Structure formats: structure tokens, C-alpha cells
C-alpha atoms as a PDB file:
ATOM      1  CA  MET A   1      14.956  76.794 -18.944  1.00  0.00           C
ATOM      2  CA  THR A   2      14.843  74.092 -16.332  1.00  0.00           C
ATOM      3  CA  ALA A   3      11.595  73.843 -14.416  1.00  0.00           C
ATOM      4  CA  THR A   4      10.992  71.748 -11.342  1.00  0.00           C
ATOM      5  CA  ALA A   5       7.566  70.134 -11.196  1.00  0.00           C
ATOM      6  CA  GLY A   6       5.842  70.392  -7.867  1.00  0.00           C
ATOM      7  CA  ASP A   7       2.362  69.554  -6.641  1.00  0.00           C
ATOM      8  CA  LEU A   8      -0.418  68.450  -8.947  1.00  0.00           C
ATOM      9  CA  ALA A   9      -2.610  71.462  -9.773  1.00  0.00           C
ATOM     10  CA  LYS A  10      -5.432  69.740 -11.679  1.00  0.00           C
ATOM     11  CA  VAL A  11      -6.361  66.708 -13.755  1.00  0.00           C
ATOM     12  CA  PHE A  12      -8.514  67.797 -16.696  1.00  0.00           C
ATOM     13  CA  ASP A  13     -11.416  65.752 -18.073  1.00  0.00           C
ATOM     14  CA  ASN A  14      -9.242  64.633 -21.008  1.00  0.00           C
ATOM     15  CA  GLY A  15      -6.644  63.161 -18.614  1.00  0.00           C
ATOM     16  CA  PHE A  16      -4.118  66.004 -18.953  1.00  0.00           C
ATOM     17  CA  HIS A  17      -2.222  66.570 -15.683  1.00  0.00           C
ATOM     18  CA  LEU A  18      -1.225  70.155 -14.845  1.00  0.00           C
ATOM     19  CA  TYR A  19       1.502  70.678 -12.219  1.00  0.00           C
ATOM     20  CA  TRP A  20       2.725  73.735 -10.341  1.00  0.00           C
ATOM     21  CA  CYS A  21       6.327  74.402 -11.395  1.00  0.00           C
ATOM     22  CA  ASP A  22       9.190  76.532 -10.146  1.00  0.00           C
ATOM     23  CA  VAL A  23      11.943  78.149 -12.179  1.00  0.00           C
ATOM     24  CA  SER A  24      14.877  80.341 -11.307  1.00  0.00           C
ATOM     25  CA  ALA A  25      14.102  84.077 -11.380  1.00  0.00           C
ATOM     26  CA  SER A  26      16.933  84.541 -13.902  1.00  0.00           C
ATOM     27  CA  ALA A  27      15.793  81.698 -16.196  1.00  0.00           C
ATOM     28  CA  GLN A  28      15.662  82.375 -19.924  1.00  0.00           C
ATOM     29  CA  PRO A  29      12.977  80.370 -21.739  1.00  0.00           C
ATOM     30  CA  LYS A  30      13.872  78.126 -24.658  1.00  0.00           C
ATOM     31  CA  ILE A  31      11.366  75.773 -26.271  1.00  0.00           C
ATOM     32  CA  HIS A  32      12.813  72.313 -26.844  1.00  0.00           C
ATOM     33  CA  ARG A  33       9.585  70.572 -27.932  1.00  0.00           C
ATOM     34  CA  PRO A  34       7.766  72.936 -30.325  1.00  0.00           C
ATOM     35  CA  LEU A  35       5.058  70.371 -31.106  1.00  0.00           C
ATOM     36  CA  GLU A  36       4.090  70.338 -27.415  1.00  0.00           C
ATOM     37  CA  VAL A  37       4.974  73.891 -26.342  1.00  0.00           C
ATOM     38  CA  ARG A  38       4.203  76.861 -28.552  1.00  0.00           C
ATOM     39  CA  GLU A  39       5.147  79.673 -26.180  1.00  0.00           C
ATOM     40  CA  VAL A  40       6.682  80.383 -22.791  1.00  0.00           C
ATOM     41  CA  ALA A  41       5.535  83.590 -21.127  1.00  0.00           C
ATOM     42  CA  TRP A  42       4.803  85.122 -17.746  1.00  0.00           C
ATOM     43  CA  TRP A  43       1.254  86.442 -17.521  1.00  0.00           C
ATOM     44  CA  GLN A  44      -0.819  88.151 -14.904  1.00  0.00           C
ATOM     45  CA  PRO A  45      -3.766  85.874 -13.963  1.00  0.00           C
ATOM     46  CA  GLU A  46      -6.369  88.240 -15.417  1.00  0.00           C
ATOM     47  CA  ALA A  47      -4.736  87.894 -18.873  1.00  0.00           C
ATOM     48  CA  VAL A  48      -4.762  84.088 -18.959  1.00  0.00           C
ATOM     49  CA  SER A  49      -8.335  83.427 -20.085  1.00  0.00           C
ATOM     50  CA  ALA A  50      -8.068  85.900 -22.985  1.00  0.00           C
ATOM     51  CA  GLN A  51      -5.497  83.758 -24.811  1.00  0.00           C
ATOM     52  CA  ALA A  52      -6.277  81.127 -27.451  1.00  0.00           C
ATOM     53  CA  TRP A  53      -6.324  77.691 -25.802  1.00  0.00           C
ATOM     54  CA  ARG A  54      -6.373  74.221 -27.266  1.00  0.00           C
ATOM     55  CA  TYR A  55      -9.459  73.271 -25.258  1.00  0.00           C
ATOM     56  CA  PRO A  56     -12.518  75.476 -24.563  1.00  0.00           C
ATOM     57  CA  ASP A  57     -12.534  77.206 -21.157  1.00  0.00           C
ATOM     58  CA  GLN A  58      -9.034  75.921 -20.319  1.00  0.00           C
ATOM     59  CA  GLY A  59      -7.693  79.456 -19.883  1.00  0.00           C
ATOM     60  CA  ALA A  60     -10.455  80.355 -17.421  1.00  0.00           C
ATOM     61  CA  MET A  61      -9.786  77.181 -15.403  1.00  0.00           C
ATOM     62  CA  ILE A  62      -6.051  77.900 -15.247  1.00  0.00           C
ATOM     63  CA  ARG A  63      -6.682  81.551 -14.331  1.00  0.00           C
ATOM     64  CA  ASP A  64      -8.949  80.441 -11.475  1.00  0.00           C
ATOM     65  CA  LEU A  65      -6.334  77.956 -10.226  1.00  0.00           C
ATOM     66  CA  VAL A  66      -3.587  80.597 -10.226  1.00  0.00           C
ATOM     67  CA  THR A  67      -5.825  83.194  -8.600  1.00  0.00           C
ATOM     68  CA  ALA A  68      -6.840  80.765  -5.835  1.00  0.00           C
ATOM     69  CA  ARG A  69      -3.197  79.817  -5.223  1.00  0.00           C
ATOM     70  CA  ARG A  70      -2.188  83.492  -4.888  1.00  0.00           C
ATOM     71  CA  LEU A  71      -4.891  84.268  -2.324  1.00  0.00           C
ATOM     72  CA  PRO A  72      -3.821  84.035   1.328  1.00  0.00           C
ATOM     73  CA  ALA A  73      -5.192  81.032   3.177  1.00  0.00           C
ATOM     74  CA  THR A  74      -7.991  81.807   5.603  1.00  0.00           C
ATOM     75  CA  HIS A  75      -8.440  79.810   8.773  1.00  0.00           C
END
């Protein structure tokens, strides 16, 4: 699956950069770098923090980022 990296979402304390990405709605995932990527899946934000993550609290941080991005902007 080809993903297009967009805006920077967050830089973690360990230096890892997380970007917002876009993919085609008909894209079929295929993992090309299994040492870096274990799984490709579409989750609802409330399910993100319940998964096993490499770093403590990473799932909760990502869930909060996705939830904030989905909320309509208030002016």
C-alpha cells in the first residue's frame, strides 16, 4: 500500500517522528519491512490505547492525537 506522508503529528521524547498519512480508500495493506512494521490495521480511536505498544503510554498519546484531529475546530 502506498501512503503519502503529510503534516508532522508529533515528535516523541525518544526522537521518533509520527506523521499524518493518507492512503487510497481501496488500498490493500502489505508489509514490506517486517522488522519495522508488525501490522497494518484500521482502528477506531478508542481501541488504540488497548493495544500492545513498544513504548509505555504510546497508544494513549496516539489515541489522543487522532481524537483531537477528528474533532471539529472551534473558533
